[in-house]
N, C-alpha and C. Protein backbone atom coordinates (compact mmCIF):
# COMPACT_ATOMS: atom_id res chain seq x y z
N UNK A 1 122.24 230.94 81.32
CA UNK A 1 123.23 231.81 81.92
C UNK A 1 122.66 233.24 81.88
N UNK A 2 122.79 233.97 83.00
CA UNK A 2 122.22 235.32 83.02
C UNK A 2 123.02 236.29 82.15
N UNK A 3 122.30 237.26 81.64
CA UNK A 3 122.98 238.31 80.87
C UNK A 3 123.80 239.17 81.82
N UNK A 4 124.74 239.88 81.25
CA UNK A 4 125.61 240.74 82.06
C UNK A 4 124.76 241.72 82.87
N UNK A 5 124.99 241.75 84.16
CA UNK A 5 124.30 242.70 85.03
C UNK A 5 123.00 242.16 85.61
N UNK A 6 122.56 240.97 85.20
CA UNK A 6 121.32 240.40 85.74
C UNK A 6 121.66 239.38 86.82
N UNK A 7 120.75 239.23 87.77
CA UNK A 7 120.94 238.26 88.85
C UNK A 7 120.43 236.89 88.40
N UNK A 8 121.10 235.87 88.87
CA UNK A 8 120.65 234.50 88.63
C UNK A 8 119.91 234.06 89.88
N UNK A 9 118.60 234.27 89.88
CA UNK A 9 117.79 233.98 91.05
C UNK A 9 117.79 232.49 91.38
N UNK A 10 117.71 231.64 90.36
CA UNK A 10 117.71 230.21 90.60
C UNK A 10 119.00 229.78 91.30
N UNK A 11 120.13 230.31 90.84
CA UNK A 11 121.40 229.99 91.46
C UNK A 11 121.41 230.46 92.92
N UNK A 12 120.86 231.63 93.16
CA UNK A 12 120.80 232.15 94.53
C UNK A 12 119.90 231.28 95.40
N UNK A 13 118.79 230.81 94.84
CA UNK A 13 117.89 229.94 95.60
C UNK A 13 118.59 228.64 95.98
N UNK A 14 119.33 228.08 95.04
CA UNK A 14 119.98 226.80 95.29
C UNK A 14 121.18 226.92 96.21
N UNK A 15 121.95 227.99 96.09
CA UNK A 15 123.17 228.14 96.87
C UNK A 15 122.97 228.97 98.13
N UNK A 16 121.92 229.73 98.18
CA UNK A 16 121.73 230.67 99.28
C UNK A 16 122.28 232.02 98.86
N UNK A 17 121.61 233.08 99.20
CA UNK A 17 121.99 234.41 98.74
C UNK A 17 123.18 234.94 99.54
N UNK A 18 124.02 235.65 98.87
CA UNK A 18 125.16 236.27 99.54
C UNK A 18 125.07 237.79 99.49
N UNK A 19 124.34 238.31 98.54
CA UNK A 19 124.24 239.76 98.38
C UNK A 19 122.95 240.31 98.94
N UNK A 20 122.66 241.52 98.59
CA UNK A 20 121.45 242.20 99.05
C UNK A 20 120.29 241.91 98.13
N UNK A 21 119.11 241.78 98.72
CA UNK A 21 117.87 241.61 97.97
C UNK A 21 117.28 243.00 97.79
N UNK A 22 116.77 243.31 96.59
CA UNK A 22 116.18 244.63 96.38
C UNK A 22 115.09 244.92 97.41
N UNK A 23 115.05 246.18 97.87
CA UNK A 23 114.06 246.57 98.87
C UNK A 23 112.66 246.34 98.33
N UNK A 24 111.74 245.93 99.23
CA UNK A 24 110.35 245.73 98.84
C UNK A 24 110.08 244.36 98.25
N UNK A 25 111.05 243.50 98.22
CA UNK A 25 110.85 242.17 97.66
C UNK A 25 110.95 241.15 98.80
N UNK A 26 110.03 241.30 99.77
CA UNK A 26 110.08 240.50 100.99
C UNK A 26 109.90 239.01 100.71
N UNK A 27 108.99 238.65 99.80
CA UNK A 27 108.75 237.23 99.50
C UNK A 27 110.01 236.59 98.90
N UNK A 28 110.65 237.31 97.97
CA UNK A 28 111.88 236.80 97.37
C UNK A 28 112.96 236.67 98.44
N UNK A 29 113.07 237.64 99.31
CA UNK A 29 114.07 237.58 100.37
C UNK A 29 113.80 236.39 101.29
N UNK A 30 112.53 236.16 101.62
CA UNK A 30 112.18 235.02 102.48
C UNK A 30 112.62 233.72 101.82
N UNK A 31 112.38 233.57 100.52
CA UNK A 31 112.77 232.36 99.81
C UNK A 31 114.28 232.20 99.74
N UNK A 32 114.98 233.29 99.45
CA UNK A 32 116.42 233.23 99.27
C UNK A 32 117.16 233.00 100.59
N UNK A 33 116.65 233.53 101.66
CA UNK A 33 117.34 233.44 102.95
C UNK A 33 116.80 232.34 103.85
N UNK A 34 115.95 231.50 103.32
CA UNK A 34 115.37 230.47 104.17
C UNK A 34 116.46 229.54 104.70
N UNK A 35 116.25 229.05 105.86
CA UNK A 35 117.20 228.13 106.45
C UNK A 35 116.72 226.72 106.18
N UNK A 36 117.66 225.89 105.84
CA UNK A 36 117.32 224.50 105.60
C UNK A 36 117.21 223.80 106.93
N UNK A 37 116.12 223.14 107.13
CA UNK A 37 115.87 222.44 108.39
C UNK A 37 116.84 221.27 108.52
N UNK A 38 117.33 221.08 109.72
CA UNK A 38 118.24 219.96 109.98
C UNK A 38 117.46 218.65 110.04
N UNK A 39 116.18 218.76 110.33
CA UNK A 39 115.36 217.56 110.44
C UNK A 39 114.93 217.11 109.05
N UNK A 40 114.78 215.81 108.91
CA UNK A 40 114.27 215.27 107.65
C UNK A 40 112.77 215.60 107.56
N UNK A 41 112.28 215.84 106.37
CA UNK A 41 110.86 216.11 106.26
C UNK A 41 110.06 214.90 106.72
N UNK A 42 108.89 215.14 107.28
CA UNK A 42 108.10 214.00 107.76
C UNK A 42 107.74 213.09 106.59
N UNK A 43 107.84 211.80 106.84
CA UNK A 43 107.51 210.85 105.79
C UNK A 43 106.01 210.83 105.55
N UNK A 44 105.67 210.75 104.29
CA UNK A 44 104.26 210.63 103.95
C UNK A 44 103.83 209.21 104.29
N UNK A 45 102.64 209.06 104.83
CA UNK A 45 102.21 207.69 105.12
C UNK A 45 102.10 206.89 103.83
N UNK A 46 102.58 205.68 103.88
CA UNK A 46 102.52 204.83 102.69
C UNK A 46 101.09 204.36 102.49
N UNK A 47 100.70 204.36 101.22
CA UNK A 47 99.36 203.89 100.91
C UNK A 47 99.35 202.37 101.02
N UNK A 48 98.36 201.88 101.67
CA UNK A 48 98.20 200.45 101.79
C UNK A 48 97.12 200.04 100.80
N UNK A 49 97.48 199.13 99.94
CA UNK A 49 96.52 198.69 98.93
C UNK A 49 95.33 198.04 99.61
N UNK A 50 94.16 198.36 99.10
CA UNK A 50 92.96 197.76 99.63
C UNK A 50 93.00 196.26 99.36
N UNK A 51 92.57 195.51 100.33
CA UNK A 51 92.55 194.06 100.16
C UNK A 51 91.43 193.71 99.19
N UNK A 52 91.75 192.98 98.15
CA UNK A 52 90.73 192.65 97.16
C UNK A 52 89.63 191.79 97.76
N UNK A 53 88.41 192.03 97.35
CA UNK A 53 87.28 191.23 97.80
C UNK A 53 87.35 189.88 97.12
N UNK A 54 86.92 188.86 97.82
CA UNK A 54 86.87 187.55 97.21
C UNK A 54 88.19 186.81 97.23
N UNK A 55 89.09 187.15 98.13
CA UNK A 55 90.34 186.42 98.22
C UNK A 55 91.51 187.17 97.62
N UNK A 56 92.67 186.55 97.76
CA UNK A 56 93.90 187.16 97.25
C UNK A 56 93.90 187.15 95.73
N UNK A 57 94.49 188.18 95.17
CA UNK A 57 94.58 188.29 93.72
C UNK A 57 96.02 188.51 93.34
N UNK A 58 96.34 188.16 92.11
CA UNK A 58 97.69 188.34 91.60
C UNK A 58 97.59 189.03 90.25
N UNK A 59 98.37 190.06 90.06
CA UNK A 59 98.37 190.77 88.79
C UNK A 59 99.16 189.97 87.77
N UNK A 60 98.56 189.78 86.59
CA UNK A 60 99.22 189.07 85.51
C UNK A 60 99.05 189.86 84.22
N UNK A 61 99.91 189.58 83.27
CA UNK A 61 99.83 190.25 81.98
C UNK A 61 99.75 189.18 80.90
N UNK A 62 98.74 189.30 80.05
CA UNK A 62 98.55 188.38 78.94
C UNK A 62 98.16 189.19 77.72
N UNK A 63 98.57 188.73 76.56
CA UNK A 63 98.22 189.43 75.34
C UNK A 63 96.92 188.89 74.78
N UNK A 64 96.05 189.80 74.36
CA UNK A 64 94.79 189.44 73.73
C UNK A 64 94.76 190.07 72.35
N UNK A 65 94.02 189.44 71.46
CA UNK A 65 93.88 190.03 70.13
C UNK A 65 93.07 191.31 70.23
N UNK A 66 93.22 192.17 69.25
CA UNK A 66 92.45 193.42 69.23
C UNK A 66 90.96 193.12 69.19
N UNK A 67 90.60 192.08 68.47
CA UNK A 67 89.19 191.68 68.37
C UNK A 67 88.65 191.27 69.74
N UNK A 68 89.43 190.47 70.48
CA UNK A 68 88.99 190.03 71.81
C UNK A 68 88.87 191.22 72.75
N UNK A 69 89.82 192.16 72.68
CA UNK A 69 89.75 193.35 73.54
C UNK A 69 88.48 194.15 73.26
N UNK A 70 88.16 194.31 71.98
CA UNK A 70 86.94 195.03 71.62
C UNK A 70 85.69 194.32 72.11
N UNK A 71 85.68 192.99 71.97
CA UNK A 71 84.53 192.21 72.45
C UNK A 71 84.42 192.29 73.97
N UNK A 72 85.55 192.30 74.66
CA UNK A 72 85.54 192.42 76.12
C UNK A 72 84.98 193.76 76.56
N UNK A 73 85.37 194.83 75.88
CA UNK A 73 84.82 196.16 76.19
C UNK A 73 83.31 196.19 75.98
N UNK A 74 82.86 195.63 74.87
CA UNK A 74 81.42 195.60 74.59
C UNK A 74 80.68 194.76 75.62
N UNK A 75 81.25 193.61 75.95
CA UNK A 75 80.62 192.73 76.93
C UNK A 75 80.53 193.43 78.29
N UNK A 76 81.58 194.13 78.67
CA UNK A 76 81.55 194.83 79.96
C UNK A 76 80.44 195.85 80.00
N UNK A 77 80.24 196.59 78.92
CA UNK A 77 79.16 197.57 78.87
C UNK A 77 77.80 196.90 79.01
N UNK A 78 77.61 195.81 78.27
CA UNK A 78 76.31 195.11 78.33
C UNK A 78 76.10 194.47 79.70
N UNK A 79 77.15 193.86 80.26
CA UNK A 79 77.04 193.25 81.58
C UNK A 79 76.71 194.30 82.63
N UNK A 80 77.36 195.46 82.55
CA UNK A 80 77.08 196.52 83.53
C UNK A 80 75.65 197.02 83.43
N UNK A 81 75.09 197.08 82.22
CA UNK A 81 73.68 197.47 82.07
C UNK A 81 72.78 196.45 82.75
N UNK A 82 73.08 195.17 82.60
CA UNK A 82 72.28 194.12 83.23
C UNK A 82 72.44 194.12 84.75
N UNK A 83 73.68 194.28 85.20
CA UNK A 83 73.97 194.22 86.63
C UNK A 83 73.40 195.42 87.37
N UNK A 84 73.40 196.59 86.75
CA UNK A 84 72.92 197.81 87.43
C UNK A 84 71.45 197.70 87.81
N UNK A 85 70.72 196.84 87.15
CA UNK A 85 69.31 196.66 87.50
C UNK A 85 69.17 196.07 88.90
N UNK A 86 70.19 195.29 89.32
CA UNK A 86 70.13 194.64 90.62
C UNK A 86 71.13 195.19 91.63
N UNK A 87 72.28 195.64 91.15
CA UNK A 87 73.34 196.11 92.04
C UNK A 87 73.76 197.52 91.66
N UNK A 88 74.36 198.21 92.60
CA UNK A 88 74.85 199.56 92.29
C UNK A 88 76.29 199.53 91.81
N UNK A 89 76.99 198.41 91.99
CA UNK A 89 78.40 198.31 91.62
C UNK A 89 78.57 198.04 90.14
N UNK A 90 79.73 198.42 89.62
CA UNK A 90 80.09 198.12 88.24
C UNK A 90 80.95 196.86 88.22
N UNK A 91 80.92 196.17 87.10
CA UNK A 91 81.72 194.97 86.92
C UNK A 91 82.94 195.35 86.07
N UNK A 92 84.12 195.01 86.55
CA UNK A 92 85.35 195.34 85.84
C UNK A 92 85.67 194.27 84.80
N UNK A 93 86.54 194.66 83.86
CA UNK A 93 87.00 193.68 82.88
C UNK A 93 87.76 192.56 83.57
N UNK A 94 88.49 192.87 84.62
CA UNK A 94 89.23 191.84 85.36
C UNK A 94 88.27 190.80 85.94
N UNK A 95 87.17 191.27 86.48
CA UNK A 95 86.17 190.35 87.05
C UNK A 95 85.59 189.46 85.96
N UNK A 96 85.29 190.03 84.81
CA UNK A 96 84.73 189.25 83.70
C UNK A 96 85.73 188.19 83.25
N UNK A 97 86.98 188.59 83.06
CA UNK A 97 88.02 187.65 82.60
C UNK A 97 88.23 186.56 83.65
N UNK A 98 88.28 186.94 84.93
CA UNK A 98 88.48 185.97 86.00
C UNK A 98 87.36 184.93 86.01
N UNK A 99 86.13 185.38 85.91
CA UNK A 99 84.99 184.46 85.91
C UNK A 99 84.98 183.58 84.67
N UNK A 100 85.28 184.18 83.51
CA UNK A 100 85.29 183.41 82.26
C UNK A 100 86.35 182.31 82.30
N UNK A 101 87.53 182.64 82.82
CA UNK A 101 88.60 181.64 82.90
C UNK A 101 88.22 180.53 83.86
N UNK A 102 87.63 180.86 84.99
CA UNK A 102 87.18 179.83 85.94
C UNK A 102 86.19 178.89 85.27
N UNK A 103 85.25 179.45 84.53
CA UNK A 103 84.24 178.63 83.86
C UNK A 103 84.87 177.72 82.81
N UNK A 104 85.77 178.28 82.01
CA UNK A 104 86.42 177.51 80.95
C UNK A 104 87.28 176.40 81.55
N UNK A 105 88.02 176.69 82.62
CA UNK A 105 88.86 175.68 83.24
C UNK A 105 88.03 174.58 83.91
N UNK A 106 86.92 174.95 84.51
CA UNK A 106 86.02 173.96 85.11
C UNK A 106 85.49 173.02 84.02
N UNK A 107 85.08 173.61 82.90
CA UNK A 107 84.59 172.84 81.75
C UNK A 107 85.69 171.92 81.21
N UNK A 108 86.91 172.42 81.15
CA UNK A 108 88.04 171.61 80.68
C UNK A 108 88.28 170.43 81.61
N UNK A 109 88.23 170.65 82.92
CA UNK A 109 88.43 169.56 83.89
C UNK A 109 87.35 168.49 83.73
N UNK A 110 86.13 168.91 83.46
CA UNK A 110 85.02 167.96 83.32
C UNK A 110 85.06 167.21 81.99
N UNK A 111 85.38 167.91 80.89
CA UNK A 111 85.26 167.32 79.55
C UNK A 111 86.58 166.93 78.92
N UNK A 112 87.67 167.43 79.44
CA UNK A 112 88.98 167.07 78.93
C UNK A 112 89.15 167.43 77.46
N UNK A 113 89.57 166.46 76.66
CA UNK A 113 89.88 166.69 75.26
C UNK A 113 88.68 167.15 74.43
N UNK A 114 87.49 166.81 74.88
CA UNK A 114 86.30 167.20 74.12
C UNK A 114 85.76 168.58 74.54
N UNK A 115 86.46 169.26 75.43
CA UNK A 115 86.00 170.58 75.88
C UNK A 115 86.13 171.61 74.76
N UNK A 116 85.26 172.60 74.75
CA UNK A 116 85.36 173.66 73.75
C UNK A 116 86.72 174.36 73.74
N UNK A 117 87.37 174.49 74.89
CA UNK A 117 88.69 175.10 74.95
C UNK A 117 89.68 174.33 74.09
N UNK A 118 89.76 173.03 74.29
CA UNK A 118 90.69 172.21 73.51
C UNK A 118 90.29 172.21 72.04
N UNK A 119 89.01 172.15 71.76
CA UNK A 119 88.55 172.14 70.37
C UNK A 119 88.98 173.43 69.65
N UNK A 120 88.85 174.58 70.30
CA UNK A 120 89.26 175.86 69.69
C UNK A 120 90.77 175.94 69.52
N UNK A 121 91.50 175.47 70.51
CA UNK A 121 92.96 175.50 70.41
C UNK A 121 93.43 174.60 69.28
N UNK A 122 92.86 173.41 69.20
CA UNK A 122 93.24 172.45 68.15
C UNK A 122 92.89 172.98 66.76
N UNK A 123 91.80 173.70 66.65
CA UNK A 123 91.37 174.25 65.35
C UNK A 123 92.37 175.28 64.84
N UNK A 124 92.98 176.05 65.76
CA UNK A 124 93.89 177.13 65.37
C UNK A 124 95.33 176.67 65.15
N UNK A 125 95.68 175.43 65.56
CA UNK A 125 97.05 174.94 65.42
C UNK A 125 97.12 174.02 64.22
N UNK A 126 98.12 174.26 63.36
CA UNK A 126 98.26 173.38 62.19
C UNK A 126 98.56 171.95 62.61
N UNK A 127 98.00 171.01 61.89
CA UNK A 127 98.22 169.58 62.21
C UNK A 127 99.57 169.12 61.68
N UNK A 128 100.09 168.06 62.28
CA UNK A 128 101.39 167.49 61.89
C UNK A 128 101.29 166.78 60.55
């Protein structure tokens, strides 16, 4: 709230000025006396997400242990060092996880119960 005798400029900006603007304050007067356009402001063009390379992708959320996250970060750094020798692109963690899951699932389909995936899962679950 303004002190006694002071102008509330913000209030004047929001409501429109009714009184006089001090002489020499042309920029303030321009702001206070501006007319609101009847037209809606032009819409900003909507960003269109780039189509992912290699087919459609779906965003998912899964929890990983802190240890796995650290190993994934380290692996990404090492993979990028190896890949940069041949390609200029970087490999993302998403790409690494996607490829690793494809490999593990392919192995599971081929080996079934004897696959390393099932063996690791069974090792971590208490037996009946």
